[in-house]
C-alpha atoms as a PDB file:
ATOM      1  CA  MET A   1     -64.600  39.893 -11.474  1.00  0.00           C
ATOM      2  CA  THR A   2     -66.917  42.430  -9.956  1.00  0.00           C
ATOM      3  CA  VAL A   3     -69.361  41.352  -7.052  1.00  0.00           C
ATOM      4  CA  LEU A   4     -73.037  42.369  -7.654  1.00  0.00           C
ATOM      5  CA  PRO A   5     -74.682  44.842  -4.724  1.00  0.00           C
ATOM      6  CA  GLU A   6     -77.181  43.065  -3.133  1.00  0.00           C
ATOM      7  CA  ALA A   7     -79.637  45.015  -3.815  1.00  0.00           C
ATOM      8  CA  LEU A   8     -79.096  44.829  -7.404  1.00  0.00           C
ATOM      9  CA  TYR A   9     -78.826  41.222  -7.558  1.00  0.00           C
ATOM     10  CA  ARG A  10     -82.325  40.699  -5.268  1.00  0.00           C
ATOM     11  CA  GLY A  11     -83.570  42.245  -7.782  1.00  0.00           C
ATOM     12  CA  MET A  12     -82.459  40.208 -10.658  1.00  0.00           C
ATOM     13  CA  ALA A  13     -83.339  37.124  -8.750  1.00  0.00           C
ATOM     14  CA  GLU A  14     -86.778  38.344  -8.149  1.00  0.00           C
ATOM     15  CA  ALA A  15     -87.676  39.153 -11.846  1.00  0.00           C
ATOM     16  CA  LEU A  16     -85.086  36.422 -13.419  1.00  0.00           C
ATOM     17  CA  PRO A  17     -83.885  33.389 -13.675  1.00  0.00           C
ATOM     18  CA  ILE A  18     -80.141  32.632 -12.119  1.00  0.00           C
ATOM     19  CA  LEU A  19     -78.054  30.949 -14.128  1.00  0.00           C
ATOM     20  CA  CYS A  20     -75.946  28.379 -11.713  1.00  0.00           C
ATOM     21  CA  VAL A  21     -73.610  25.063 -12.409  1.00  0.00           C
ATOM     22  CA  ASP A  22     -73.924  22.034 -10.438  1.00  0.00           C
ATOM     23  CA  VAL A  23     -70.681  19.561 -10.289  1.00  0.00           C
ATOM     24  CA  ILE A  24     -71.746  16.286  -9.383  1.00  0.00           C
ATOM     25  CA  LEU A  25     -68.467  15.019  -7.872  1.00  0.00           C
ATOM     26  CA  ARG A  26     -67.633  11.128  -7.634  1.00  0.00           C
ATOM     27  CA  ASN A  27     -64.651   9.331  -5.815  1.00  0.00           C
ATOM     28  CA  ARG A  28     -63.271   5.668  -7.157  1.00  0.00           C
ATOM     29  CA  LYS A  29     -65.979   4.335  -5.380  1.00  0.00           C
ATOM     30  CA  GLY A  30     -68.651   5.696  -7.223  1.00  0.00           C
ATOM     31  CA  ASP A  31     -70.021   7.677  -3.786  1.00  0.00           C
ATOM     32  CA  TYR A  32     -71.125  11.220  -4.335  1.00  0.00           C
ATOM     33  CA  LEU A  33     -69.585  13.728  -2.636  1.00  0.00           C
ATOM     34  CA  LEU A  34     -72.410  16.356  -0.765  1.00  0.00           C
ATOM     35  CA  LEU A  35     -72.206  19.201   0.933  1.00  0.00           C
ATOM     36  CA  LYS A  36     -74.735  20.335   3.218  1.00  0.00           C
ATOM     37  CA  ARG A  37     -75.899  23.816   2.570  1.00  0.00           C
ATOM     38  CA  VAL A  38     -76.069  27.135   4.984  1.00  0.00           C
ATOM     39  CA  ASN A  39     -77.712  29.050   3.246  1.00  0.00           C
ATOM     40  CA  GLU A  40     -81.199  29.164   0.625  1.00  0.00           C
ATOM     41  CA  PRO A  41     -81.814  27.523  -1.384  1.00  0.00           C
ATOM     42  CA  LYS A  42     -82.276  24.059   0.006  1.00  0.00           C
ATOM     43  CA  LYS A  43     -80.578  24.911   3.406  1.00  0.00           C
ATOM     44  CA  GLY A  44     -79.938  22.620   6.098  1.00  0.00           C
ATOM     45  CA  ARG A  45     -80.100  19.837   2.990  1.00  0.00           C
ATOM     46  CA  TRP A  46     -77.115  17.433   1.477  1.00  0.00           C
ATOM     47  CA  TRP A  47     -76.474  18.940  -1.831  1.00  0.00           C
ATOM     48  CA  PRO A  48     -74.166  18.575  -4.805  1.00  0.00           C
ATOM     49  CA  VAL A  49     -71.121  21.384  -5.246  1.00  0.00           C
ATOM     50  CA  GLY A  50     -72.884  24.459  -7.073  1.00  0.00           C
ATOM     51  CA  GLY A  51     -73.402  28.239  -7.339  1.00  0.00           C
ATOM     52  CA  ARG A  52     -74.089  31.373  -9.563  1.00  0.00           C
ATOM     53  CA  VAL A  53     -72.225  31.857 -13.022  1.00  0.00           C
ATOM     54  CA  ARG A  54     -70.448  35.211 -13.386  1.00  0.00           C
ATOM     55  CA  LYS A  55     -70.393  37.502 -16.687  1.00  0.00           C
ATOM     56  CA  GLY A  56     -67.820  36.432 -18.915  1.00  0.00           C
ATOM     57  CA  GLU A  57     -67.432  33.082 -17.019  1.00  0.00           C
ATOM     58  CA  SER A  58     -67.224  29.710 -19.037  1.00  0.00           C
ATOM     59  CA  LEU A  59     -69.537  27.418 -17.572  1.00  0.00           C
ATOM     60  CA  PRO A  60     -66.522  24.596 -17.137  1.00  0.00           C
ATOM     61  CA  THR A  61     -64.349  27.174 -15.456  1.00  0.00           C
ATOM     62  CA  ALA A  62     -67.586  28.447 -13.277  1.00  0.00           C
ATOM     63  CA  ALA A  63     -67.823  24.376 -11.917  1.00  0.00           C
ATOM     64  CA  ILE A  64     -64.205  24.379 -11.698  1.00  0.00           C
ATOM     65  CA  ARG A  65     -64.251  27.133  -9.640  1.00  0.00           C
ATOM     66  CA  LYS A  66     -66.943  26.158  -7.658  1.00  0.00           C
ATOM     67  CA  VAL A  67     -65.799  22.732  -6.863  1.00  0.00           C
ATOM     68  CA  LYS A  68     -61.867  24.569  -5.904  1.00  0.00           C
ATOM     69  CA  GLU A  69     -63.944  27.492  -4.042  1.00  0.00           C
ATOM     70  CA  GLU A  70     -66.927  24.927  -1.885  1.00  0.00           C
ATOM     71  CA  THR A  71     -64.273  21.979  -1.303  1.00  0.00           C
ATOM     72  CA  GLY A  72     -60.730  22.571  -2.116  1.00  0.00           C
ATOM     73  CA  LEU A  73     -60.232  20.337  -4.392  1.00  0.00           C
ATOM     74  CA  SER A  74     -59.075  20.702  -7.803  1.00  0.00           C
ATOM     75  CA  THR A  75     -60.917  19.135 -10.819  1.00  0.00           C
ATOM     76  CA  ARG A  76     -60.565  19.071 -14.766  1.00  0.00           C
ATOM     77  CA  ALA A  77     -62.684  16.377 -16.178  1.00  0.00           C
ATOM     78  CA  LEU A  78     -65.704  18.123 -16.204  1.00  0.00           C
ATOM     79  CA  GLN A  79     -68.637  16.564 -18.319  1.00  0.00           C
ATOM     80  CA  PRO A  80     -71.942  18.440 -19.263  1.00  0.00           C
ATOM     81  CA  VAL A  81     -74.592  15.633 -18.376  1.00  0.00           C
ATOM     82  CA  GLY A  82     -77.887  17.822 -17.862  1.00  0.00           C
ATOM     83  CA  TYR A  83     -79.438  20.763 -16.363  1.00  0.00           C
ATOM     84  CA  PHE A  84     -81.542  20.941 -13.214  1.00  0.00           C
ATOM     85  CA  GLU A  85     -84.257  23.837 -12.661  1.00  0.00           C
ATOM     86  CA  TYR A  86     -84.871  25.144  -9.040  1.00  0.00           C
ATOM     87  CA  HIS A  87     -88.434  26.363  -8.994  1.00  0.00           C
ATOM     88  CA  GLY A  88     -88.504  27.572  -5.251  1.00  0.00           C
ATOM     89  CA  ARG A  89     -90.457  30.205  -2.627  1.00  0.00           C
ATOM     90  CA  ARG A  90     -87.406  30.945  -0.707  1.00  0.00           C
ATOM     91  CA  GLY A  91     -83.497  32.519  -2.199  1.00  0.00           C
ATOM     92  CA  PRO A  92     -80.631  33.375  -1.475  1.00  0.00           C
ATOM     93  CA  LEU A  93     -80.440  37.075   0.904  1.00  0.00           C
ATOM     94  CA  GLY A  94     -83.853  36.137   1.871  1.00  0.00           C
ATOM     95  CA  ILE A  95     -85.903  36.263  -1.018  1.00  0.00           C
ATOM     96  CA  ASP A  96     -88.874  34.704  -0.297  1.00  0.00           C
ATOM     97  CA  THR A  97     -90.979  36.159  -3.178  1.00  0.00           C
ATOM     98  CA  GLY A  98     -89.674  33.511  -5.295  1.00  0.00           C
ATOM     99  CA  TYR A  99     -86.579  31.808  -6.690  1.00  0.00           C
ATOM    100  CA  HIS A 100     -85.524  30.175  -9.943  1.00  0.00           C
ATOM    101  CA  SER A 101     -82.409  29.163 -11.059  1.00  0.00           C
ATOM    102  CA  VAL A 102     -81.096  26.994 -13.826  1.00  0.00           C
ATOM    103  CA  SER A 103     -77.773  24.928 -13.315  1.00  0.00           C
ATOM    104  CA  VAL A 104     -75.962  22.908 -16.052  1.00  0.00           C
ATOM    105  CA  VAL A 105     -74.919  20.139 -14.364  1.00  0.00           C
ATOM    106  CA  PHE A 106     -71.481  18.318 -15.036  1.00  0.00           C
ATOM    107  CA  LEU A 107     -69.885  14.904 -14.148  1.00  0.00           C
ATOM    108  CA  ALA A 108     -66.264  14.928 -12.299  1.00  0.00           C
ATOM    109  CA  SER A 109     -64.302  12.244 -10.632  1.00  0.00           C
ATOM    110  CA  VAL A 110     -62.022  13.669  -7.505  1.00  0.00           C
ATOM    111  CA  GLY A 111     -59.276  11.456  -5.897  1.00  0.00           C
ATOM    112  CA  ASP A 112     -59.969   9.546  -2.548  1.00  0.00           C
ATOM    113  CA  ARG A 113     -57.231  10.940  -0.404  1.00  0.00           C
ATOM    114  CA  LYS A 114     -58.050  14.291  -1.255  1.00  0.00           C
ATOM    115  CA  THR A 115     -58.918  15.990   1.831  1.00  0.00           C
ATOM    116  CA  VAL A 116     -62.492  18.912   1.794  1.00  0.00           C
ATOM    117  CA  VAL A 117     -62.080  22.148   2.849  1.00  0.00           C
ATOM    118  CA  LEU A 118     -65.190  24.134   3.497  1.00  0.00           C
ATOM    119  CA  ASP A 119     -65.994  27.576   2.760  1.00  0.00           C
ATOM    120  CA  GLY A 120     -68.344  29.324   4.704  1.00  0.00           C
ATOM    121  CA  GLN A 121     -71.566  28.130   2.285  1.00  0.00           C
ATOM    122  CA  SER A 122     -71.469  24.285   3.542  1.00  0.00           C
ATOM    123  CA  SER A 123     -71.707  23.149   7.484  1.00  0.00           C
ATOM    124  CA  ALA A 124     -70.250  19.749   6.330  1.00  0.00           C
ATOM    125  CA  TRP A 125     -69.627  17.491   3.875  1.00  0.00           C
ATOM    126  CA  LYS A 126     -69.835  13.558   3.331  1.00  0.00           C
ATOM    127  CA  TYR A 127     -69.909  10.678   0.557  1.00  0.00           C
ATOM    128  CA  ALA A 128     -73.318   9.448   0.310  1.00  0.00           C
ATOM    129  CA  GLU A 129     -74.066   6.371  -2.292  1.00  0.00           C
ATOM    130  CA  ARG A 130     -77.375   8.450  -3.671  1.00  0.00           C
ATOM    131  CA  LEU A 131     -78.036  11.821  -4.384  1.00  0.00           C
ATOM    132  CA  PRO A 132     -80.981  13.873  -3.451  1.00  0.00           C
ATOM    133  CA  ALA A 133     -83.692  12.222  -4.501  1.00  0.00           C
ATOM    134  CA  ASP A 134     -85.167  15.934  -5.594  1.00  0.00           C
ATOM    135  CA  PHE A 135     -81.702  17.029  -7.147  1.00  0.00           C
ATOM    136  CA  ARG A 136     -83.568  15.688 -11.211  1.00  0.00           C
ATOM    137  CA  VAL A 137     -81.665  16.315 -13.703  1.00  0.00           C
ATOM    138  CA  VAL A 138     -83.058  16.396 -17.321  1.00  0.00           C
ATOM    139  CA  THR A 139     -79.473  14.475 -19.087  1.00  0.00           C
ATOM    140  CA  PHE A 140     -78.272  15.934 -22.600  1.00  0.00           C
ATOM    141  CA  PRO A 141     -78.616  13.507 -25.170  1.00  0.00           C
ATOM    142  CA  GLY A 142     -75.938  10.740 -25.129  1.00  0.00           C
ATOM    143  CA  ALA A 143     -75.311  11.573 -21.075  1.00  0.00           C
ATOM    144  CA  GLY A 144     -76.944   8.569 -20.206  1.00  0.00           C
ATOM    145  CA  SER A 145     -74.372   6.226 -21.287  1.00  0.00           C
ATOM    146  CA  ARG A 146     -72.325   8.799 -18.442  1.00  0.00           C
ATOM    147  CA  ILE A 147     -74.552   8.765 -15.503  1.00  0.00           C
ATOM    148  CA  PRO A 148     -77.419   6.401 -14.569  1.00  0.00           C
ATOM    149  CA  VAL A 149     -81.330   7.130 -14.933  1.00  0.00           C
ATOM    150  CA  TRP A 150     -82.831   9.595 -12.246  1.00  0.00           C
ATOM    151  CA  GLN A 151     -85.304   8.083 -10.401  1.00  0.00           C
ATOM    152  CA  GLY A 152     -85.854   9.485  -7.183  1.00  0.00           C
ATOM    153  CA  GLY A 153     -82.721   9.788  -6.407  1.00  0.00           C
ATOM    154  CA  MET A 154     -80.122   8.409  -8.746  1.00  0.00           C
ATOM    155  CA  PRO A 155     -78.576   5.227  -7.744  1.00  0.00           C
ATOM    156  CA  HIS A 156     -75.247   4.053  -6.715  1.00  0.00           C
ATOM    157  CA  PRO A 157     -72.977   2.816  -9.782  1.00  0.00           C
ATOM    158  CA  ARG A 158     -72.689  -0.466  -8.010  1.00  0.00           C
ATOM    159  CA  SER A 159     -76.201  -0.938  -8.078  1.00  0.00           C
ATOM    160  CA  GLU A 160     -78.516  -1.923 -10.234  1.00  0.00           C
ATOM    161  CA  SER A 161     -80.877   0.741 -12.428  1.00  0.00           C
ATOM    162  CA  PRO A 162     -84.083   1.037 -11.799  1.00  0.00           C
END
């Protein structure tokens, strides 16, 4: 797979939305795996696994790849549940002229006994009862039965829906 030269990617990211995947990973207790981001966007924030889709790569394949790259975990039982759109001033590679990405969001489970091995994109990991409040996913029709409703952050599956 060819990686774009940085100058070309910067130009594209300044002009077009970037297609990404985000993966909501849940353990058996229903907690969410979050990573502390090292890079923009969302630098320093706890966020689900995710990143750019490569040309010629299917969305599920990209999601599986991102989980493996960022956590060392393997997952195959992916369910597409919605999309998340990010509009922000800051993007990767020091882009500060505005950044727009569209992520297809998947839901997957991970085993509790699996060890997370981080790549250079994150500085720490944790399991949390809630997803970030600004991770506002627009759910696909029919996905509502698989995930709780987002209202200021995803509630823990053991808690009551808001």
